[in-house]
Amino acid sequence: MWISSSEFEKLVGEALDGLPARFAEAVENVSVTIEDEPSAEDLEAVGLDPRQDTLFGLYQGVALPERGLGYTSLPDRIVVYRLPVLEACDSREQIVEEVRVTVRHELGHYFGLDEDELPP
């Protein structure tokens, strides 16, 4: 399935707009970006094998529960990888759902949830 970069960007925006209000209001200083694919370094940083694994999104930053008083830093970053999502999906509906799930998953890391604590 294929959609344009601008349409994919719109879907990411819609996923952010669709967050429950209590979570959306709690998100501060986070940049959400879109890249075509993760680098080998990004995959290795999360323990994935670049030759066989894929990644739909990545959170880079310090999770809220780990921040001390007076914490200041550059914005945290969430990256959604467009090509792996498109390659994994057979329909526009699947793409919409995967983008929504990926954005929520990465925001879960921002809120301090580990992989085993995140909903599927």
C-alpha atoms as a PDB file:
ATOM      1  CA  MET A   1       0.000   0.000   0.000  1.00  0.00           C
ATOM      2  CA  TRP A   2       1.302   3.467  -0.801  1.00  0.00           C
ATOM      3  CA  ILE A   3       0.342   6.977   0.298  1.00  0.00           C
ATOM      4  CA  SER A   4       2.211  10.232  -0.182  1.00  0.00           C
ATOM      5  CA  SER A   5       4.519  11.776   2.386  1.00  0.00           C
ATOM      6  CA  SER A   6       2.082  14.642   2.930  1.00  0.00           C
ATOM      7  CA  GLU A   7      -0.832  12.249   3.494  1.00  0.00           C
ATOM      8  CA  PHE A   8       1.268  10.236   5.951  1.00  0.00           C
ATOM      9  CA  GLU A   9       2.139  13.441   7.797  1.00  0.00           C
ATOM     10  CA  LYS A  10      -1.571  14.244   7.985  1.00  0.00           C
ATOM     11  CA  LEU A  11      -2.269  10.804   9.502  1.00  0.00           C
ATOM     12  CA  VAL A  12       0.373  11.376  12.180  1.00  0.00           C
ATOM     13  CA  GLY A  13      -1.248  14.729  12.978  1.00  0.00           C
ATOM     14  CA  GLU A  14      -4.655  13.079  13.220  1.00  0.00           C
ATOM     15  CA  ALA A  15      -3.239  10.434  15.571  1.00  0.00           C
ATOM     16  CA  LEU A  16      -1.905  13.206  17.817  1.00  0.00           C
ATOM     17  CA  ASP A  17      -5.192  15.114  17.634  1.00  0.00           C
ATOM     18  CA  GLY A  18      -7.040  11.932  18.599  1.00  0.00           C
ATOM     19  CA  LEU A  19      -5.217  11.469  21.895  1.00  0.00           C
ATOM     20  CA  PRO A  20      -7.383  11.514  25.001  1.00  0.00           C
ATOM     21  CA  ALA A  21      -7.384  15.054  26.419  1.00  0.00           C
ATOM     22  CA  ARG A  22      -5.690  14.108  29.699  1.00  0.00           C
ATOM     23  CA  PHE A  23      -2.702  12.705  27.810  1.00  0.00           C
ATOM     24  CA  ALA A  24      -2.535  15.397  25.141  1.00  0.00           C
ATOM     25  CA  GLU A  25      -2.500  18.103  27.822  1.00  0.00           C
ATOM     26  CA  ALA A  26       0.371  16.370  29.643  1.00  0.00           C
ATOM     27  CA  VAL A  27       2.679  16.221  26.622  1.00  0.00           C
ATOM     28  CA  GLU A  28       5.223  19.028  26.694  1.00  0.00           C
ATOM     29  CA  ASN A  29       8.433  19.708  24.831  1.00  0.00           C
ATOM     30  CA  VAL A  30       8.117  16.754  22.429  1.00  0.00           C
ATOM     31  CA  SER A  31       8.892  16.953  18.737  1.00  0.00           C
ATOM     32  CA  VAL A  32       7.108  14.421  16.526  1.00  0.00           C
ATOM     33  CA  THR A  33       8.844  13.857  13.205  1.00  0.00           C
ATOM     34  CA  ILE A  34       8.535  11.519  10.259  1.00  0.00           C
ATOM     35  CA  GLU A  35      11.460   9.813   8.576  1.00  0.00           C
ATOM     36  CA  ASP A  36      11.440   7.272   5.784  1.00  0.00           C
ATOM     37  CA  GLU A  37      13.368   4.530   7.590  1.00  0.00           C
ATOM     38  CA  PRO A  38      15.287   3.944  10.802  1.00  0.00           C
ATOM     39  CA  SER A  39      19.052   3.912  10.585  1.00  0.00           C
ATOM     40  CA  ALA A  40      21.037   0.832  11.528  1.00  0.00           C
ATOM     41  CA  GLU A  41      22.116   2.756  14.634  1.00  0.00           C
ATOM     42  CA  ASP A  42      18.492   3.426  15.615  1.00  0.00           C
ATOM     43  CA  LEU A  43      17.670  -0.277  15.295  1.00  0.00           C
ATOM     44  CA  GLU A  44      20.729  -1.337  17.268  1.00  0.00           C
ATOM     45  CA  ALA A  45      19.983   1.251  19.991  1.00  0.00           C
ATOM     46  CA  VAL A  46      16.740  -0.578  20.765  1.00  0.00           C
ATOM     47  CA  GLY A  47      18.237  -4.050  20.433  1.00  0.00           C
ATOM     48  CA  LEU A  48      16.995  -4.887  16.935  1.00  0.00           C
ATOM     49  CA  ASP A  49      19.007  -6.528  14.177  1.00  0.00           C
ATOM     50  CA  PRO A  50      19.206  -4.169  11.167  1.00  0.00           C
ATOM     51  CA  ARG A  51      19.349  -7.156   8.791  1.00  0.00           C
ATOM     52  CA  GLN A  52      16.046  -8.673   9.862  1.00  0.00           C
ATOM     53  CA  ASP A  53      14.080  -6.386  12.176  1.00  0.00           C
ATOM     54  CA  THR A  54      11.988  -3.339  11.477  1.00  0.00           C
ATOM     55  CA  LEU A  55      10.844  -0.403  13.537  1.00  0.00           C
ATOM     56  CA  PHE A  56       7.726   1.724  13.129  1.00  0.00           C
ATOM     57  CA  GLY A  57       8.602   4.393  15.677  1.00  0.00           C
ATOM     58  CA  LEU A  58      11.177   5.513  18.210  1.00  0.00           C
ATOM     59  CA  TYR A  59      11.126   7.654  21.347  1.00  0.00           C
ATOM     60  CA  GLN A  60      14.317   9.562  22.114  1.00  0.00           C
ATOM     61  CA  GLY A  61      14.481  11.463  25.366  1.00  0.00           C
ATOM     62  CA  VAL A  62      14.135  11.198  29.114  1.00  0.00           C
ATOM     63  CA  ALA A  63      10.824   9.744  30.264  1.00  0.00           C
ATOM     64  CA  LEU A  64       8.765  11.959  32.569  1.00  0.00           C
ATOM     65  CA  PRO A  65       9.191   9.783  35.694  1.00  0.00           C
ATOM     66  CA  GLU A  66      12.976   9.884  35.308  1.00  0.00           C
ATOM     67  CA  ARG A  67      13.234  13.665  35.294  1.00  0.00           C
ATOM     68  CA  GLY A  68      14.433  15.461  38.371  1.00  0.00           C
ATOM     69  CA  LEU A  69      13.542  18.886  39.683  1.00  0.00           C
ATOM     70  CA  GLY A  70      14.756  21.636  37.436  1.00  0.00           C
ATOM     71  CA  TYR A  71      15.058  19.290  34.461  1.00  0.00           C
ATOM     72  CA  THR A  72      15.785  21.179  31.262  1.00  0.00           C
ATOM     73  CA  SER A  73      16.752  19.768  27.921  1.00  0.00           C
ATOM     74  CA  LEU A  74      16.173  19.941  24.226  1.00  0.00           C
ATOM     75  CA  PRO A  75      12.770  18.597  23.208  1.00  0.00           C
ATOM     76  CA  ASP A  76      12.237  14.875  23.413  1.00  0.00           C
ATOM     77  CA  ARG A  77      11.713  13.340  20.014  1.00  0.00           C
ATOM     78  CA  ILE A  78       9.292  10.807  18.612  1.00  0.00           C
ATOM     79  CA  VAL A  79      10.016   9.525  15.128  1.00  0.00           C
ATOM     80  CA  VAL A  80       7.470   7.662  13.030  1.00  0.00           C
ATOM     81  CA  TYR A  81       9.074   5.683  10.201  1.00  0.00           C
ATOM     82  CA  ARG A  82       6.953   5.912   7.079  1.00  0.00           C
ATOM     83  CA  LEU A  83       8.286   3.146   4.816  1.00  0.00           C
ATOM     84  CA  PRO A  84       8.143   0.296   7.354  1.00  0.00           C
ATOM     85  CA  VAL A  85       4.532   1.216   8.139  1.00  0.00           C
ATOM     86  CA  LEU A  86       3.593   1.333   4.463  1.00  0.00           C
ATOM     87  CA  GLU A  87       5.359  -1.961   3.749  1.00  0.00           C
ATOM     88  CA  ALA A  88       3.541  -3.721   6.610  1.00  0.00           C
ATOM     89  CA  CYS A  89       0.048  -2.543   5.661  1.00  0.00           C
ATOM     90  CA  ASP A  90      -2.268  -3.692   2.884  1.00  0.00           C
ATOM     91  CA  SER A  91      -4.888  -0.949   3.102  1.00  0.00           C
ATOM     92  CA  ARG A  92      -5.305   2.685   4.036  1.00  0.00           C
ATOM     93  CA  GLU A  93      -7.308   1.593   7.085  1.00  0.00           C
ATOM     94  CA  GLN A  94      -4.381  -0.531   8.283  1.00  0.00           C
ATOM     95  CA  ILE A  95      -1.997   2.392   7.786  1.00  0.00           C
ATOM     96  CA  VAL A  96      -4.277   4.702   9.793  1.00  0.00           C
ATOM     97  CA  GLU A  97      -4.449   2.161  12.621  1.00  0.00           C
ATOM     98  CA  GLU A  98      -0.705   1.437  12.623  1.00  0.00           C
ATOM     99  CA  VAL A  99       0.128   5.146  12.734  1.00  0.00           C
ATOM    100  CA  ARG A 100      -2.305   5.606  15.644  1.00  0.00           C
ATOM    101  CA  VAL A 101      -0.840   2.629  17.511  1.00  0.00           C
ATOM    102  CA  THR A 102       2.755   3.739  16.845  1.00  0.00           C
ATOM    103  CA  VAL A 103       2.176   7.308  18.029  1.00  0.00           C
ATOM    104  CA  ARG A 104       0.477   6.084  21.220  1.00  0.00           C
ATOM    105  CA  HIS A 105       3.188   3.474  21.784  1.00  0.00           C
ATOM    106  CA  GLU A 106       5.993   6.013  21.568  1.00  0.00           C
ATOM    107  CA  LEU A 107       4.117   8.464  23.781  1.00  0.00           C
ATOM    108  CA  GLY A 108       3.805   5.620  26.277  1.00  0.00           C
ATOM    109  CA  HIS A 109       7.604   5.618  26.490  1.00  0.00           C
ATOM    110  CA  TYR A 110       7.520   9.381  27.049  1.00  0.00           C
ATOM    111  CA  PHE A 111       5.212   8.745  30.015  1.00  0.00           C
ATOM    112  CA  GLY A 112       7.650   6.161  31.362  1.00  0.00           C
ATOM    113  CA  LEU A 113       6.096   2.871  30.299  1.00  0.00           C
ATOM    114  CA  ASP A 114       8.379  -0.038  29.394  1.00  0.00           C
ATOM    115  CA  GLU A 115       7.726  -2.312  26.423  1.00  0.00           C
ATOM    116  CA  ASP A 116       6.010  -4.930  28.579  1.00  0.00           C
ATOM    117  CA  GLU A 117       3.695  -2.282  30.091  1.00  0.00           C
ATOM    118  CA  LEU A 118       2.501  -0.857  26.780  1.00  0.00           C
ATOM    119  CA  PRO A 119      -0.773  -2.023  25.290  1.00  0.00           C
ATOM    120  CA  PRO A 120      -0.436  -4.065  22.060  1.00  0.00           C
END
